[in-house]
Amino acid sequence: KLEDDDEITFVMFSKNGLRAVFATGVSGSIVCSPVVIVGNHRATIVQMVDRIRRALS
């Protein structure tokens, strides 16, 4: 699901018991993109976080 509110865009998804959201905001030349992942199994969350880190590096 994609939500756009003024200058901030929120992306939300749910898969295999995980729920995640990230928002991207721009202010001048600065970009901020926090990510929140929620789930019942810590190992699954850690795997998803590692995937995101690899994709962004």
N, C-alpha and C. Protein backbone atom coordinates (compact mmCIF):
# COMPACT_ATOMS: atom_id res chain seq x y z
N LYS A 1 0.85 -1.16 0.00
CA LYS A 1 0.00 0.00 0.00
C LYS A 1 0.90 1.23 0.00
N LEU A 2 0.56 2.19 -0.80
CA LEU A 2 1.34 3.42 -0.92
C LEU A 2 0.45 4.60 -0.54
N GLU A 3 0.92 5.39 0.40
CA GLU A 3 0.20 6.59 0.84
C GLU A 3 1.09 7.79 0.59
N ASP A 4 0.53 8.83 0.02
CA ASP A 4 1.29 10.05 -0.24
C ASP A 4 0.60 11.20 0.47
N ASP A 5 1.32 11.87 1.37
CA ASP A 5 0.77 12.96 2.15
C ASP A 5 1.72 14.15 2.07
N ASP A 6 1.38 15.14 1.27
CA ASP A 6 2.22 16.31 1.04
C ASP A 6 3.61 15.88 0.56
N GLU A 7 4.65 16.11 1.36
CA GLU A 7 6.01 15.80 0.92
C GLU A 7 6.55 14.50 1.51
N ILE A 8 5.68 13.70 2.15
CA ILE A 8 6.10 12.43 2.74
C ILE A 8 5.34 11.30 2.08
N THR A 9 6.06 10.26 1.69
CA THR A 9 5.45 9.07 1.11
C THR A 9 5.64 7.90 2.05
N PHE A 10 4.55 7.19 2.36
CA PHE A 10 4.58 6.02 3.22
C PHE A 10 4.35 4.78 2.38
N VAL A 11 5.16 3.75 2.60
CA VAL A 11 4.97 2.46 1.93
C VAL A 11 4.75 1.43 3.02
N MET A 12 3.65 0.66 2.91
CA MET A 12 3.31 -0.34 3.91
C MET A 12 3.13 -1.69 3.24
N PHE A 13 3.65 -2.75 3.89
CA PHE A 13 3.40 -4.07 3.34
C PHE A 13 3.32 -5.10 4.45
N SER A 14 2.68 -6.22 4.12
CA SER A 14 2.52 -7.32 5.06
C SER A 14 2.75 -8.61 4.29
N LYS A 15 3.61 -9.49 4.85
CA LYS A 15 3.90 -10.75 4.19
C LYS A 15 4.46 -11.73 5.22
N ASN A 16 3.99 -12.95 5.19
CA ASN A 16 4.51 -14.02 6.05
C ASN A 16 4.58 -13.63 7.52
N GLY A 17 3.56 -12.95 8.03
CA GLY A 17 3.54 -12.58 9.44
C GLY A 17 4.31 -11.32 9.78
N LEU A 18 4.94 -10.70 8.80
CA LEU A 18 5.66 -9.45 9.03
C LEU A 18 4.82 -8.27 8.55
N ARG A 19 4.95 -7.18 9.24
CA ARG A 19 4.36 -5.92 8.78
C ARG A 19 5.48 -4.90 8.79
N ALA A 20 5.55 -4.14 7.73
CA ALA A 20 6.62 -3.15 7.62
C ALA A 20 6.08 -1.86 7.04
N VAL A 21 6.70 -0.78 7.43
CA VAL A 21 6.36 0.52 6.87
C VAL A 21 7.64 1.34 6.79
N PHE A 22 7.77 2.06 5.71
CA PHE A 22 8.83 3.06 5.67
C PHE A 22 8.29 4.32 5.05
N ALA A 23 8.83 5.41 5.50
CA ALA A 23 8.42 6.72 5.03
C ALA A 23 9.64 7.42 4.47
N THR A 24 9.42 8.17 3.41
CA THR A 24 10.52 8.94 2.84
C THR A 24 10.09 10.39 2.78
N GLY A 25 10.91 11.24 3.35
CA GLY A 25 10.64 12.67 3.33
C GLY A 25 11.84 13.43 2.80
N VAL A 26 11.58 14.53 2.13
CA VAL A 26 12.64 15.35 1.55
C VAL A 26 12.50 16.77 2.07
N SER A 27 13.61 17.33 2.51
CA SER A 27 13.65 18.72 2.95
C SER A 27 14.91 19.34 2.37
N GLY A 28 14.75 20.12 1.35
CA GLY A 28 15.91 20.70 0.67
C GLY A 28 16.73 19.59 0.04
N SER A 29 17.99 19.46 0.46
CA SER A 29 18.85 18.41 -0.09
C SER A 29 18.97 17.21 0.85
N ILE A 30 18.16 17.18 1.92
CA ILE A 30 18.22 16.10 2.90
C ILE A 30 17.06 15.14 2.68
N VAL A 31 17.37 13.84 2.67
CA VAL A 31 16.35 12.80 2.54
C VAL A 31 16.39 11.93 3.79
N CYS A 32 15.22 11.65 4.36
CA CYS A 32 15.11 10.80 5.54
C CYS A 32 14.17 9.64 5.22
N SER A 33 14.57 8.42 5.57
CA SER A 33 13.74 7.26 5.26
C SER A 33 13.81 6.22 6.39
N PRO A 34 13.06 6.43 7.49
CA PRO A 34 13.04 5.44 8.57
C PRO A 34 12.24 4.20 8.17
N VAL A 35 12.64 3.05 8.71
CA VAL A 35 11.97 1.78 8.42
C VAL A 35 11.56 1.14 9.74
N VAL A 36 10.31 0.66 9.82
CA VAL A 36 9.81 -0.05 11.00
C VAL A 36 9.29 -1.40 10.55
N ILE A 37 9.77 -2.48 11.21
CA ILE A 37 9.32 -3.84 10.90
C ILE A 37 8.81 -4.48 12.18
N VAL A 38 7.61 -5.07 12.11
CA VAL A 38 6.98 -5.69 13.27
C VAL A 38 6.61 -7.12 12.92
N GLY A 39 6.84 -8.04 13.85
CA GLY A 39 6.47 -9.43 13.62
C GLY A 39 6.58 -10.23 14.90
N ASN A 40 6.15 -11.49 14.85
CA ASN A 40 6.15 -12.35 16.03
C ASN A 40 7.45 -13.10 16.23
N HIS A 41 8.27 -13.21 15.19
CA HIS A 41 9.49 -14.01 15.28
C HIS A 41 10.71 -13.13 15.01
N ARG A 42 11.54 -13.00 16.04
CA ARG A 42 12.72 -12.14 15.94
C ARG A 42 13.62 -12.52 14.78
N ALA A 43 13.84 -13.80 14.57
CA ALA A 43 14.74 -14.26 13.50
C ALA A 43 14.24 -13.80 12.13
N THR A 44 12.94 -13.83 11.92
CA THR A 44 12.37 -13.39 10.64
C THR A 44 12.56 -11.90 10.45
N ILE A 45 12.39 -11.14 11.51
CA ILE A 45 12.59 -9.69 11.44
C ILE A 45 14.05 -9.37 11.13
N VAL A 46 14.97 -10.06 11.79
CA VAL A 46 16.40 -9.84 11.56
C VAL A 46 16.76 -10.15 10.11
N GLN A 47 16.20 -11.21 9.54
CA GLN A 47 16.46 -11.55 8.14
C GLN A 47 16.01 -10.42 7.22
N MET A 48 14.82 -9.87 7.49
CA MET A 48 14.30 -8.78 6.66
C MET A 48 15.17 -7.53 6.79
N VAL A 49 15.58 -7.20 8.01
CA VAL A 49 16.45 -6.04 8.23
C VAL A 49 17.77 -6.22 7.48
N ASP A 50 18.34 -7.42 7.53
CA ASP A 50 19.58 -7.68 6.82
C ASP A 50 19.41 -7.52 5.31
N ARG A 51 18.29 -7.97 4.78
CA ARG A 51 18.02 -7.79 3.33
C ARG A 51 17.96 -6.31 2.96
N ILE A 52 17.28 -5.54 3.79
CA ILE A 52 17.16 -4.10 3.52
C ILE A 52 18.53 -3.44 3.59
N ARG A 53 19.33 -3.78 4.59
CA ARG A 53 20.68 -3.21 4.71
C ARG A 53 21.53 -3.53 3.50
N ARG A 54 21.49 -4.78 3.04
CA ARG A 54 22.27 -5.16 1.85
C ARG A 54 21.80 -4.39 0.62
N ALA A 55 20.49 -4.22 0.48
CA ALA A 55 19.96 -3.51 -0.68
C ALA A 55 20.38 -2.04 -0.69
N LEU A 56 20.53 -1.46 0.49
CA LEU A 56 20.88 -0.03 0.57
C LEU A 56 22.37 0.24 0.60
N SER A 57 23.19 -0.81 0.72
CA SER A 57 24.63 -0.56 0.81
C SER A 57 25.31 -0.64 -0.55
